[in-house]
Amino acid sequence: MLNAVIFDMDGVIVDSEPLHHKAYKKMFVDFEIEVSDALFENFTGEATLAICQKICENFKLDVPPEKLVQRKREYFNRLFDE
């Protein structure tokens, strides 16, 4: 019988923010863009799709934001599994 369910709202039990940061940095390299730390800090707390949409607009990328989302999530999952 299940008595309780714990939801980690990202950072409560596991601090995954450093992994997200590394995953974004790897994704930026793949798409040959340089995102300043100041710009990156503005993204904190936003959804991945919203961030990738802003990146595509800001850097005039001819790539759908969903492709960036997919790449970032692949990197995050690999980093998390390590």
N, C-alpha and C. Protein backbone atom coordinates (compact mmCIF):
# COMPACT_ATOMS: atom_id res chain seq x y z
N MET A 1 0.83 -1.18 0.00
CA MET A 1 0.00 0.00 0.00
C MET A 1 0.88 1.25 0.00
N LEU A 2 0.55 2.19 -0.84
CA LEU A 2 1.30 3.44 -0.97
C LEU A 2 0.77 4.47 0.02
N ASN A 3 1.65 4.95 0.90
CA ASN A 3 1.24 5.92 1.91
C ASN A 3 1.61 7.35 1.58
N ALA A 4 2.61 7.51 0.72
CA ALA A 4 3.07 8.87 0.41
C ALA A 4 3.77 8.88 -0.94
N VAL A 5 3.74 10.02 -1.55
CA VAL A 5 4.47 10.25 -2.80
C VAL A 5 5.24 11.54 -2.61
N ILE A 6 6.52 11.51 -2.98
CA ILE A 6 7.36 12.70 -2.87
C ILE A 6 7.66 13.21 -4.27
N PHE A 7 7.38 14.47 -4.50
CA PHE A 7 7.73 15.11 -5.76
C PHE A 7 8.89 16.06 -5.50
N ASP A 8 9.96 15.91 -6.26
CA ASP A 8 11.08 16.83 -6.15
C ASP A 8 10.86 17.94 -7.17
N MET A 9 10.57 19.12 -6.71
CA MET A 9 10.31 20.23 -7.60
C MET A 9 11.62 20.90 -8.02
N ASP A 10 12.55 20.08 -8.43
CA ASP A 10 13.85 20.50 -8.95
C ASP A 10 14.60 21.40 -7.98
N GLY A 11 15.36 20.77 -7.15
CA GLY A 11 16.19 21.50 -6.22
C GLY A 11 15.84 21.23 -4.77
N VAL A 12 14.72 20.59 -4.53
CA VAL A 12 14.32 20.29 -3.16
C VAL A 12 15.15 19.13 -2.62
N ILE A 13 15.20 18.04 -3.36
CA ILE A 13 15.96 16.86 -2.94
C ILE A 13 17.28 16.78 -3.70
N VAL A 14 17.23 17.03 -4.99
CA VAL A 14 18.41 16.96 -5.84
C VAL A 14 18.63 18.32 -6.48
N ASP A 15 19.84 18.86 -6.33
CA ASP A 15 20.17 20.13 -6.97
C ASP A 15 20.66 19.84 -8.38
N SER A 16 19.75 19.91 -9.33
CA SER A 16 20.09 19.57 -10.72
C SER A 16 20.48 20.79 -11.54
N GLU A 17 20.45 21.98 -10.95
CA GLU A 17 20.76 23.20 -11.71
C GLU A 17 22.15 23.14 -12.36
N PRO A 18 23.20 22.66 -11.66
CA PRO A 18 24.50 22.57 -12.32
C PRO A 18 24.48 21.65 -13.55
N LEU A 19 23.69 20.59 -13.50
CA LEU A 19 23.59 19.69 -14.65
C LEU A 19 22.87 20.37 -15.81
N HIS A 20 21.83 21.12 -15.51
CA HIS A 20 21.15 21.88 -16.56
C HIS A 20 22.12 22.87 -17.21
N HIS A 21 22.90 23.54 -16.38
CA HIS A 21 23.87 24.52 -16.89
C HIS A 21 24.86 23.85 -17.83
N LYS A 22 25.41 22.71 -17.43
CA LYS A 22 26.36 21.98 -18.28
C LYS A 22 25.70 21.52 -19.57
N ALA A 23 24.47 21.04 -19.48
CA ALA A 23 23.75 20.57 -20.67
C ALA A 23 23.53 21.71 -21.65
N TYR A 24 23.14 22.87 -21.14
CA TYR A 24 22.96 24.04 -22.01
C TYR A 24 24.28 24.42 -22.67
N LYS A 25 25.36 24.45 -21.89
CA LYS A 25 26.67 24.82 -22.44
C LYS A 25 27.07 23.89 -23.58
N LYS A 26 26.85 22.58 -23.42
CA LYS A 26 27.17 21.62 -24.47
C LYS A 26 26.30 21.87 -25.70
N MET A 27 25.03 22.16 -25.48
CA MET A 27 24.12 22.44 -26.58
C MET A 27 24.55 23.70 -27.32
N PHE A 28 24.98 24.73 -26.58
CA PHE A 28 25.44 25.96 -27.22
C PHE A 28 26.62 25.68 -28.15
N VAL A 29 27.54 24.84 -27.71
CA VAL A 29 28.70 24.48 -28.54
C VAL A 29 28.23 23.79 -29.82
N ASP A 30 27.29 22.87 -29.70
CA ASP A 30 26.79 22.15 -30.87
C ASP A 30 26.22 23.09 -31.93
N PHE A 31 25.57 24.16 -31.47
CA PHE A 31 24.94 25.09 -32.41
C PHE A 31 25.79 26.34 -32.66
N GLU A 32 27.04 26.28 -32.18
CA GLU A 32 28.04 27.32 -32.43
C GLU A 32 27.56 28.71 -32.01
N ILE A 33 27.04 28.79 -30.80
CA ILE A 33 26.62 30.08 -30.27
C ILE A 33 27.31 30.32 -28.93
N GLU A 34 27.59 31.58 -28.66
CA GLU A 34 28.21 31.96 -27.40
C GLU A 34 27.20 32.75 -26.59
N VAL A 35 26.78 32.18 -25.49
CA VAL A 35 25.81 32.82 -24.61
C VAL A 35 26.56 33.32 -23.38
N SER A 36 26.50 34.61 -23.16
CA SER A 36 27.20 35.19 -22.01
C SER A 36 26.57 34.68 -20.71
N ASP A 37 27.36 34.71 -19.65
CA ASP A 37 26.84 34.30 -18.35
C ASP A 37 25.68 35.20 -17.93
N ALA A 38 25.77 36.49 -18.26
CA ALA A 38 24.71 37.43 -17.90
C ALA A 38 23.40 37.07 -18.60
N LEU A 39 23.47 36.74 -19.88
CA LEU A 39 22.27 36.34 -20.61
C LEU A 39 21.73 35.02 -20.07
N PHE A 40 22.64 34.09 -19.81
CA PHE A 40 22.22 32.79 -19.31
C PHE A 40 21.51 32.92 -17.96
N GLU A 41 21.99 33.80 -17.11
CA GLU A 41 21.37 34.00 -15.80
C GLU A 41 19.93 34.48 -15.93
N ASN A 42 19.63 35.20 -17.00
CA ASN A 42 18.26 35.67 -17.22
C ASN A 42 17.29 34.52 -17.49
N PHE A 43 17.82 33.37 -17.89
CA PHE A 43 16.99 32.22 -18.22
C PHE A 43 16.62 31.38 -17.01
N THR A 44 17.27 31.59 -15.89
CA THR A 44 17.05 30.75 -14.71
C THR A 44 15.57 30.73 -14.32
N GLY A 45 15.06 29.51 -14.17
CA GLY A 45 13.68 29.33 -13.76
C GLY A 45 12.69 29.22 -14.90
N GLU A 46 13.15 29.49 -16.12
CA GLU A 46 12.25 29.40 -17.28
C GLU A 46 12.23 27.98 -17.83
N ALA A 47 11.17 27.66 -18.53
CA ALA A 47 11.05 26.35 -19.17
C ALA A 47 12.05 26.25 -20.32
N THR A 48 12.50 25.04 -20.58
CA THR A 48 13.49 24.80 -21.62
C THR A 48 13.03 25.31 -22.98
N LEU A 49 11.79 25.05 -23.34
CA LEU A 49 11.30 25.51 -24.64
C LEU A 49 11.34 27.03 -24.74
N ALA A 50 10.93 27.71 -23.70
CA ALA A 50 10.96 29.18 -23.71
C ALA A 50 12.39 29.70 -23.86
N ILE A 51 13.32 29.07 -23.19
CA ILE A 51 14.73 29.46 -23.30
C ILE A 51 15.22 29.25 -24.73
N CYS A 52 14.92 28.10 -25.29
CA CYS A 52 15.39 27.78 -26.64
C CYS A 52 14.74 28.69 -27.69
N GLN A 53 13.50 29.09 -27.46
CA GLN A 53 12.86 30.04 -28.37
C GLN A 53 13.59 31.38 -28.33
N LYS A 54 13.94 31.83 -27.14
CA LYS A 54 14.68 33.09 -27.01
C LYS A 54 16.05 33.00 -27.65
N ILE A 55 16.70 31.85 -27.50
CA ILE A 55 18.02 31.66 -28.09
C ILE A 55 17.92 31.72 -29.62
N CYS A 56 16.93 31.04 -30.18
CA CYS A 56 16.75 31.04 -31.63
C CYS A 56 16.49 32.45 -32.15
N GLU A 57 15.69 33.21 -31.43
CA GLU A 57 15.40 34.60 -31.83
C GLU A 57 16.64 35.48 -31.67
N ASN A 58 17.28 35.37 -30.52
CA ASN A 58 18.43 36.20 -30.20
C ASN A 58 19.60 36.00 -31.16
N PHE A 59 19.83 34.75 -31.52
CA PHE A 59 20.98 34.42 -32.37
C PHE A 59 20.58 34.15 -33.82
N LYS A 60 19.31 34.41 -34.13
CA LYS A 60 18.79 34.26 -35.50
C LYS A 60 19.13 32.88 -36.08
N LEU A 61 18.89 31.85 -35.28
CA LEU A 61 19.17 30.48 -35.71
C LEU A 61 18.08 30.00 -36.66
N ASP A 62 18.50 29.30 -37.69
CA ASP A 62 17.56 28.73 -38.65
C ASP A 62 17.28 27.28 -38.26
N VAL A 63 16.95 27.10 -37.00
CA VAL A 63 16.70 25.78 -36.42
C VAL A 63 15.46 25.91 -35.54
N PRO A 64 14.55 24.95 -35.60
CA PRO A 64 13.39 25.04 -34.71
C PRO A 64 13.82 24.92 -33.24
N PRO A 65 13.23 25.68 -32.35
CA PRO A 65 13.60 25.61 -30.94
C PRO A 65 13.48 24.20 -30.37
N GLU A 66 12.55 23.42 -30.89
CA GLU A 66 12.36 22.05 -30.41
C GLU A 66 13.61 21.20 -30.61
N LYS A 67 14.37 21.51 -31.65
CA LYS A 67 15.62 20.77 -31.90
C LYS A 67 16.64 21.08 -30.80
N LEU A 68 16.70 22.32 -30.39
CA LEU A 68 17.58 22.69 -29.29
C LEU A 68 17.13 22.02 -27.99
N VAL A 69 15.83 22.02 -27.77
CA VAL A 69 15.27 21.38 -26.57
C VAL A 69 15.68 19.91 -26.53
N GLN A 70 15.52 19.23 -27.66
CA GLN A 70 15.86 17.81 -27.73
C GLN A 70 17.34 17.58 -27.41
N ARG A 71 18.21 18.39 -28.01
CA ARG A 71 19.65 18.23 -27.78
C ARG A 71 20.00 18.50 -26.33
N LYS A 72 19.44 19.56 -25.76
CA LYS A 72 19.73 19.89 -24.36
C LYS A 72 19.28 18.77 -23.44
N ARG A 73 18.10 18.22 -23.71
CA ARG A 73 17.58 17.13 -22.86
C ARG A 73 18.42 15.87 -22.98
N GLU A 74 18.94 15.60 -24.18
CA GLU A 74 19.83 14.45 -24.35
C GLU A 74 21.07 14.62 -23.47
N TYR A 75 21.66 15.80 -23.51
CA TYR A 75 22.84 16.05 -22.68
C TYR A 75 22.49 15.97 -21.20
N PHE A 76 21.37 16.55 -20.80
CA PHE A 76 20.99 16.52 -19.39
C PHE A 76 20.82 15.08 -18.92
N ASN A 77 20.12 14.27 -19.70
CA ASN A 77 19.89 12.87 -19.31
C ASN A 77 21.20 12.11 -19.17
N ARG A 78 22.14 12.34 -20.08
CA ARG A 78 23.45 11.68 -19.97
C ARG A 78 24.18 12.12 -18.71
N LEU A 79 24.18 13.42 -18.47
CA LEU A 79 24.87 13.94 -17.29
C LEU A 79 24.22 13.42 -16.00
N PHE A 80 22.91 13.36 -15.99
CA PHE A 80 22.19 12.89 -14.80
C PHE A 80 22.50 11.42 -14.52
N ASP A 81 22.62 10.62 -15.59
CA ASP A 81 22.90 9.20 -15.43
C ASP A 81 24.31 8.94 -14.92
N GLU A 82 25.21 9.88 -15.14
CA GLU A 82 26.59 9.72 -14.66
C GLU A 82 26.58 9.88 -13.17
